[in-house]
N, C-alpha and C. Protein backbone atom coordinates (compact mmCIF):
# COMPACT_ATOMS: atom_id res chain seq x y z
N GLN A 1 115.99 113.16 81.36
CA GLN A 1 114.67 111.89 82.19
C GLN A 1 114.39 112.05 83.27
N LEU A 2 113.42 111.97 83.15
CA LEU A 2 112.70 111.81 85.18
C LEU A 2 112.77 111.03 85.20
N GLN A 3 113.21 110.11 86.98
CA GLN A 3 113.47 108.88 86.76
C GLN A 3 113.31 108.48 88.58
N LEU A 4 112.28 107.23 89.32
CA LEU A 4 112.79 107.53 90.54
C LEU A 4 113.83 106.24 90.60
N VAL A 5 114.45 105.62 91.60
CA VAL A 5 115.55 104.68 91.55
C VAL A 5 115.02 104.08 92.97
N GLU A 6 115.03 102.96 93.05
CA GLU A 6 114.78 102.31 94.53
C GLU A 6 116.64 101.09 94.47
N SER A 7 117.06 101.40 95.81
CA SER A 7 117.80 101.05 96.08
C SER A 7 118.23 100.21 97.57
N GLY A 8 118.79 99.40 97.79
CA GLY A 8 118.90 98.97 99.31
C GLY A 8 117.96 96.89 99.08
N GLY A 9 117.42 96.36 98.64
CA GLY A 9 116.56 95.59 98.96
C GLY A 9 117.71 94.52 98.90
N GLY A 10 117.19 93.61 98.80
CA GLY A 10 118.04 92.62 99.28
C GLY A 10 116.80 90.82 99.92
N LEU A 11 118.26 89.89 100.54
CA LEU A 11 117.80 89.41 101.72
C LEU A 11 118.28 89.56 102.71
N VAL A 12 117.17 88.83 104.12
CA VAL A 12 117.77 88.95 105.77
C VAL A 12 117.13 88.18 105.67
N GLN A 13 117.21 87.73 107.11
CA GLN A 13 116.90 87.03 107.89
C GLN A 13 115.44 87.81 108.77
N ALA A 14 113.96 86.95 108.73
CA ALA A 14 113.44 87.57 109.78
C ALA A 14 113.73 88.32 111.64
N GLY A 15 113.13 89.17 111.37
CA GLY A 15 114.36 90.21 112.50
C GLY A 15 115.07 90.77 112.33
N GLY A 16 115.52 90.79 111.01
CA GLY A 16 116.26 92.23 110.43
C GLY A 16 115.97 93.13 109.86
N SER A 17 117.04 93.52 109.61
CA SER A 17 116.72 95.52 109.11
C SER A 17 116.87 95.67 107.30
N LEU A 18 116.71 96.61 106.60
CA LEU A 18 116.98 96.47 106.01
C LEU A 18 116.73 98.55 105.61
N ARG A 19 117.40 99.07 105.06
CA ARG A 19 117.32 100.26 104.32
C ARG A 19 117.05 100.54 102.63
N LEU A 20 115.84 100.92 102.27
CA LEU A 20 115.78 101.32 100.79
C LEU A 20 115.99 102.96 100.70
N SER A 21 116.63 102.98 99.33
CA SER A 21 116.00 104.97 98.69
C SER A 21 115.96 104.36 97.54
N CYS A 22 115.20 106.35 97.92
CA CYS A 22 114.96 106.10 95.87
C CYS A 22 115.35 107.70 96.25
N ALA A 23 115.99 107.34 94.78
CA ALA A 23 117.11 108.87 94.48
C ALA A 23 116.31 109.01 92.72
N ALA A 24 115.60 110.80 93.08
CA ALA A 24 115.43 111.20 92.02
C ALA A 24 116.06 111.93 90.84
N SER A 25 116.66 112.01 89.85
CA SER A 25 116.90 112.62 89.26
C SER A 25 116.55 113.24 87.64
N GLY A 26 116.37 113.91 87.23
CA GLY A 26 115.96 114.55 86.49
C GLY A 26 115.12 115.52 86.75
N PHE A 27 114.77 115.57 87.93
CA PHE A 27 113.36 116.36 88.34
C PHE A 27 114.26 117.07 90.38
N THR A 28 113.10 118.02 90.87
CA THR A 28 113.52 117.87 92.59
C THR A 28 112.58 117.24 93.17
N LEU A 29 112.77 116.22 94.45
CA LEU A 29 111.84 115.74 94.92
C LEU A 29 110.96 116.58 95.74
N ASP A 30 111.88 118.20 96.17
CA ASP A 30 111.05 119.44 97.11
C ASP A 30 109.11 119.20 97.02
N TYR A 31 108.80 119.29 95.84
CA TYR A 31 107.39 119.12 95.62
C TYR A 31 106.41 118.12 95.59
N TYR A 32 106.73 116.97 96.19
CA TYR A 32 106.63 115.74 95.70
C TYR A 32 106.37 115.24 97.10
N VAL A 33 104.97 114.40 97.24
CA VAL A 33 104.67 113.76 98.25
C VAL A 33 105.49 112.81 97.26
N ILE A 34 105.85 111.40 98.21
CA ILE A 34 106.47 110.58 98.18
C ILE A 34 106.12 109.44 98.72
N GLY A 35 105.62 108.05 98.17
CA GLY A 35 105.19 106.76 98.86
C GLY A 35 106.08 106.28 98.59
N TRP A 36 106.66 105.52 99.45
CA TRP A 36 106.61 103.10 99.91
C TRP A 36 105.23 102.62 99.01
N PHE A 37 105.92 102.01 98.51
CA PHE A 37 104.47 101.02 98.13
C PHE A 37 105.15 99.14 97.75
N ARG A 38 104.50 98.23 97.84
CA ARG A 38 104.76 97.31 98.00
C ARG A 38 104.05 95.90 97.58
N GLN A 39 104.36 95.28 96.62
CA GLN A 39 104.34 94.10 95.59
C GLN A 39 104.55 92.99 95.97
N ALA A 40 103.43 92.00 96.66
CA ALA A 40 103.99 90.88 96.82
C ALA A 40 103.34 89.30 95.67
N PRO A 41 103.94 88.15 95.16
CA PRO A 41 103.19 87.58 94.19
C PRO A 41 102.30 87.32 94.17
N GLY A 42 101.27 87.36 93.56
CA GLY A 42 99.78 87.67 93.39
C GLY A 42 98.48 87.94 94.49
N LYS A 43 99.48 89.15 94.37
CA LYS A 43 98.70 90.35 95.72
C LYS A 43 99.02 92.16 94.74
N GLU A 44 98.07 92.59 95.08
CA GLU A 44 97.69 93.83 94.53
C GLU A 44 98.72 94.80 95.75
N ARG A 45 99.34 95.55 94.93
CA ARG A 45 100.05 96.66 94.35
C ARG A 45 99.49 97.41 96.86
N GLU A 46 99.74 97.91 97.87
CA GLU A 46 99.51 97.91 98.12
C GLU A 46 100.46 99.65 99.06
N GLY A 47 100.11 100.17 99.55
CA GLY A 47 100.71 102.01 100.46
C GLY A 47 101.18 101.30 101.64
N VAL A 48 102.87 101.12 101.27
CA VAL A 48 103.83 101.25 102.95
C VAL A 48 103.44 101.98 103.68
N SER A 49 103.81 103.08 103.19
CA SER A 49 104.17 104.55 104.32
C SER A 49 104.26 105.57 102.83
N CYS A 50 103.66 106.56 103.30
CA CYS A 50 104.23 108.03 102.83
C CYS A 50 104.38 108.79 103.56
N ILE A 51 105.11 109.84 102.70
CA ILE A 51 105.65 111.13 103.18
C ILE A 51 105.34 112.57 102.84
N SER A 52 104.58 113.64 103.93
CA SER A 52 104.49 114.91 103.23
C SER A 52 105.72 115.62 102.49
N ARG A 53 105.52 116.53 101.32
CA ARG A 53 106.98 117.19 100.73
C ARG A 53 107.80 118.01 101.98
N SER A 54 106.95 118.53 103.25
CA SER A 54 108.07 118.97 104.40
C SER A 54 108.50 117.47 105.09
N GLY A 55 108.19 116.54 105.16
CA GLY A 55 107.91 115.46 105.85
C GLY A 55 107.84 115.36 107.30
N GLY A 56 107.17 116.78 107.49
CA GLY A 56 106.48 116.77 109.06
C GLY A 56 104.46 116.45 109.21
N SER A 57 104.49 115.30 108.11
CA SER A 57 103.40 114.04 107.69
C SER A 57 103.74 113.38 107.29
N THR A 58 103.76 112.17 107.81
CA THR A 58 103.44 110.62 107.46
C THR A 58 102.59 109.70 107.71
N LYS A 59 103.01 108.34 107.00
CA LYS A 59 101.45 107.39 106.76
C LYS A 59 101.84 106.17 106.88
N PHE A 60 101.50 105.41 107.76
CA PHE A 60 102.10 103.82 107.32
C PHE A 60 100.42 103.37 107.48
N ALA A 61 100.88 101.86 106.55
CA ALA A 61 100.24 100.70 107.45
C ALA A 61 100.38 99.84 108.09
N ASP A 62 99.17 99.31 109.05
CA ASP A 62 98.99 99.39 110.01
C ASP A 62 99.91 97.58 110.16
N SER A 63 100.30 97.48 108.92
CA SER A 63 100.98 95.75 108.97
C SER A 63 102.67 96.56 109.78
N VAL A 64 103.01 97.78 108.68
CA VAL A 64 104.54 98.17 109.79
C VAL A 64 104.48 99.76 110.74
N LYS A 65 103.65 99.01 110.84
CA LYS A 65 103.89 100.41 112.29
C LYS A 65 104.81 100.21 113.24
N GLY A 66 105.14 101.31 113.76
CA GLY A 66 106.71 100.62 114.53
C GLY A 66 107.58 99.90 114.39
N ARG A 67 107.53 99.48 113.14
CA ARG A 67 108.87 98.66 112.83
C ARG A 67 109.54 99.50 111.22
N PHE A 68 108.48 99.76 110.69
CA PHE A 68 109.60 101.22 109.58
C PHE A 68 109.17 102.43 109.92
N THR A 69 110.42 103.31 109.79
CA THR A 69 109.86 104.80 109.81
C THR A 69 110.66 105.36 108.01
N ILE A 70 109.56 106.38 107.64
CA ILE A 70 110.25 106.90 106.98
C ILE A 70 110.58 107.86 106.92
N SER A 71 112.01 108.96 106.24
CA SER A 71 112.22 109.79 106.17
C SER A 71 113.23 110.57 105.02
N ARG A 72 112.79 111.52 104.73
CA ARG A 72 113.69 112.21 103.17
C ARG A 72 114.45 113.13 103.10
N ASP A 73 115.37 113.28 102.06
CA ASP A 73 116.59 114.23 102.40
C ASP A 73 116.38 114.91 100.99
N ASN A 74 116.11 116.00 101.23
CA ASN A 74 115.50 116.50 99.85
C ASN A 74 116.85 117.49 99.74
N ALA A 75 117.57 117.85 100.74
CA ALA A 75 118.96 118.27 99.82
C ALA A 75 120.03 116.95 98.59
N ARG A 76 119.49 115.82 99.67
CA ARG A 76 120.05 114.66 98.33
C ARG A 76 119.36 113.53 97.34
N ASN A 77 118.35 114.81 97.56
CA ASN A 77 116.33 114.50 97.08
C ASN A 77 116.38 112.76 96.71
N THR A 78 116.35 112.14 97.59
CA THR A 78 116.41 111.24 98.37
C THR A 78 115.61 110.33 99.05
N VAL A 79 114.65 109.79 99.10
CA VAL A 79 113.93 109.30 100.56
C VAL A 79 113.91 107.75 101.22
N TYR A 80 113.99 107.45 102.50
CA TYR A 80 114.54 105.97 102.74
C TYR A 80 113.25 106.07 103.21
N LEU A 81 113.15 104.18 103.22
CA LEU A 81 112.56 103.87 104.03
C LEU A 81 113.24 102.56 104.93
N GLN A 82 112.92 102.76 106.26
CA GLN A 82 114.26 102.39 107.32
C GLN A 82 113.28 100.89 107.43
N MET A 83 113.28 99.78 107.11
CA MET A 83 112.69 98.71 107.75
C MET A 83 113.59 97.44 108.87
N ASN A 84 112.60 97.62 109.79
CA ASN A 84 113.25 97.15 111.10
C ASN A 84 112.85 96.03 111.14
N SER A 85 112.86 94.32 112.65
CA SER A 85 112.01 93.85 113.15
C SER A 85 111.56 93.10 111.43
N LEU A 86 112.02 92.54 110.51
CA LEU A 86 111.30 92.58 109.66
C LEU A 86 111.22 90.67 109.70
N LYS A 87 109.94 90.31 108.88
CA LYS A 87 109.10 89.36 108.51
C LYS A 87 108.64 88.79 106.96
N PRO A 88 108.38 87.41 106.88
CA PRO A 88 108.69 86.87 106.27
C PRO A 88 107.35 87.63 105.45
N GLU A 89 106.80 88.36 106.16
CA GLU A 89 105.76 88.52 105.74
C GLU A 89 105.57 89.95 104.71
N ASP A 90 107.26 90.43 105.20
CA ASP A 90 107.62 91.59 104.33
C ASP A 90 108.14 91.46 102.56
N THR A 91 107.69 90.16 102.46
CA THR A 91 108.41 89.54 101.05
C THR A 91 108.22 90.61 99.87
N ALA A 92 108.29 91.32 99.06
CA ALA A 92 107.75 91.83 97.96
C ALA A 92 108.93 92.61 97.36
N VAL A 93 108.70 93.31 96.51
CA VAL A 93 109.20 93.87 95.38
C VAL A 93 108.12 95.86 96.03
N TYR A 94 109.59 96.43 96.44
CA TYR A 94 109.00 97.23 96.60
C TYR A 94 109.61 98.21 95.81
N TYR A 95 108.13 99.47 95.30
CA TYR A 95 108.55 100.42 94.84
C TYR A 95 108.47 102.04 95.63
N CYS A 96 109.02 102.69 95.11
CA CYS A 96 108.77 104.32 95.05
C CYS A 96 108.34 105.48 94.54
N ALA A 97 107.22 106.47 95.04
CA ALA A 97 106.78 106.80 93.55
C ALA A 97 106.26 108.02 94.06
N ALA A 98 106.13 109.46 93.32
CA ALA A 98 106.43 110.61 93.45
C ALA A 98 105.13 111.28 92.94
N SER A 99 103.95 112.54 93.67
CA SER A 99 102.92 113.04 93.34
C SER A 99 102.97 114.38 93.40
N LEU A 100 102.45 114.99 92.81
CA LEU A 100 102.20 116.50 92.91
C LEU A 100 101.19 117.25 93.87
N GLY A 101 99.88 116.68 93.11
CA GLY A 101 98.69 117.12 93.64
C GLY A 101 97.78 115.93 94.73
N THR A 102 98.34 116.09 95.94
CA THR A 102 97.99 114.40 96.80
C THR A 102 98.26 114.69 98.08
N THR A 103 97.96 113.82 98.72
CA THR A 103 98.30 114.06 100.59
C THR A 103 98.38 112.84 101.06
N VAL A 104 99.42 112.60 102.46
CA VAL A 104 99.90 111.47 102.29
C VAL A 104 98.82 110.45 102.16
N HIS A 105 97.92 110.44 103.04
CA HIS A 105 96.34 110.05 102.99
C HIS A 105 96.45 109.40 101.84
N SER A 106 95.70 109.56 100.72
CA SER A 106 95.41 109.93 99.97
C SER A 106 95.74 108.75 98.80
N MET A 107 97.78 109.36 98.68
CA MET A 107 98.37 108.97 98.25
C MET A 107 98.88 107.14 98.57
N CYS A 108 98.95 106.76 100.23
CA CYS A 108 98.47 105.80 100.29
C CYS A 108 97.64 104.40 99.97
N VAL A 109 96.47 105.41 100.40
CA VAL A 109 95.45 104.64 100.20
C VAL A 109 95.14 104.12 98.46
N TYR A 110 95.18 104.75 97.63
CA TYR A 110 94.75 104.79 96.88
C TYR A 110 95.93 104.36 95.68
N VAL A 111 96.95 104.34 96.69
CA VAL A 111 98.46 103.83 95.56
C VAL A 111 98.72 104.79 94.34
N SER A 112 98.72 105.95 94.33
CA SER A 112 98.70 106.77 93.71
C SER A 112 100.31 107.38 93.37
N GLY A 113 100.45 107.23 91.92
CA GLY A 113 102.01 108.89 91.78
C GLY A 113 101.75 108.68 90.41
N GLU A 114 102.09 110.11 90.12
CA GLU A 114 103.07 110.13 88.71
C GLU A 114 104.14 109.50 88.06
N TYR A 115 105.13 109.58 89.38
CA TYR A 115 106.03 108.59 88.75
C TYR A 115 107.08 107.36 89.92
N TRP A 116 107.11 106.66 89.31
CA TRP A 116 107.16 105.58 89.98
C TRP A 116 108.64 104.95 89.08
N GLY A 117 109.73 104.90 90.20
CA GLY A 117 110.28 103.56 90.00
C GLY A 117 110.15 101.55 89.56
N GLN A 118 111.48 100.85 89.50
CA GLN A 118 111.58 100.22 88.65
C GLN A 118 111.52 98.73 90.07
N GLY A 119 111.36 99.66 91.34
CA GLY A 119 111.19 98.52 92.66
C GLY A 119 112.64 98.08 93.43
N THR A 120 112.74 97.31 93.85
CA THR A 120 113.50 96.69 94.75
C THR A 120 113.14 95.43 95.08
N GLN A 121 113.61 94.58 94.66
CA GLN A 121 113.16 92.83 95.62
C GLN A 121 113.43 93.04 96.97
N VAL A 122 112.93 92.94 98.64
CA VAL A 122 113.31 92.72 99.62
C VAL A 122 112.46 91.23 99.88
N THR A 123 113.34 90.13 100.48
CA THR A 123 112.77 89.18 101.07
C THR A 123 113.40 88.49 102.46
N VAL A 124 113.13 88.21 102.99
CA VAL A 124 112.83 88.01 104.33
C VAL A 124 112.06 86.18 104.46
N SER A 125 113.86 86.11 105.38
CA SER A 125 113.63 84.14 105.69
C SER A 125 113.71 83.97 106.50
N SER A 126 112.80 83.09 106.96
CA SER A 126 112.22 82.40 108.57
C SER A 126 113.39 81.92 108.69
């Protein structure tokens, strides 16, 4: 069974940090562009950050540039989203997704993915 599982979410105070993990089972992430997305209550899902197959190309939403980093460990079949200097407006359910035939730009802008995780809640208190 092909599956993505996110972990690492939780409750944190403004200014704090969290690291989200996206682990794949049933398939290898090596061939996939991976994206992190988030959806706050009453809002559309948006692209947060995407990373190419090799990790050499990344894209970030303007709202998280300079605060979030994305990385991948293909040996561990896992992609990470390091979130620093968190703000209350970062509160959302965070999802990871995997896509074969896309670019980091397209995946993040069009919120596309062939496989999706179930999401992990991130809550930032003020």
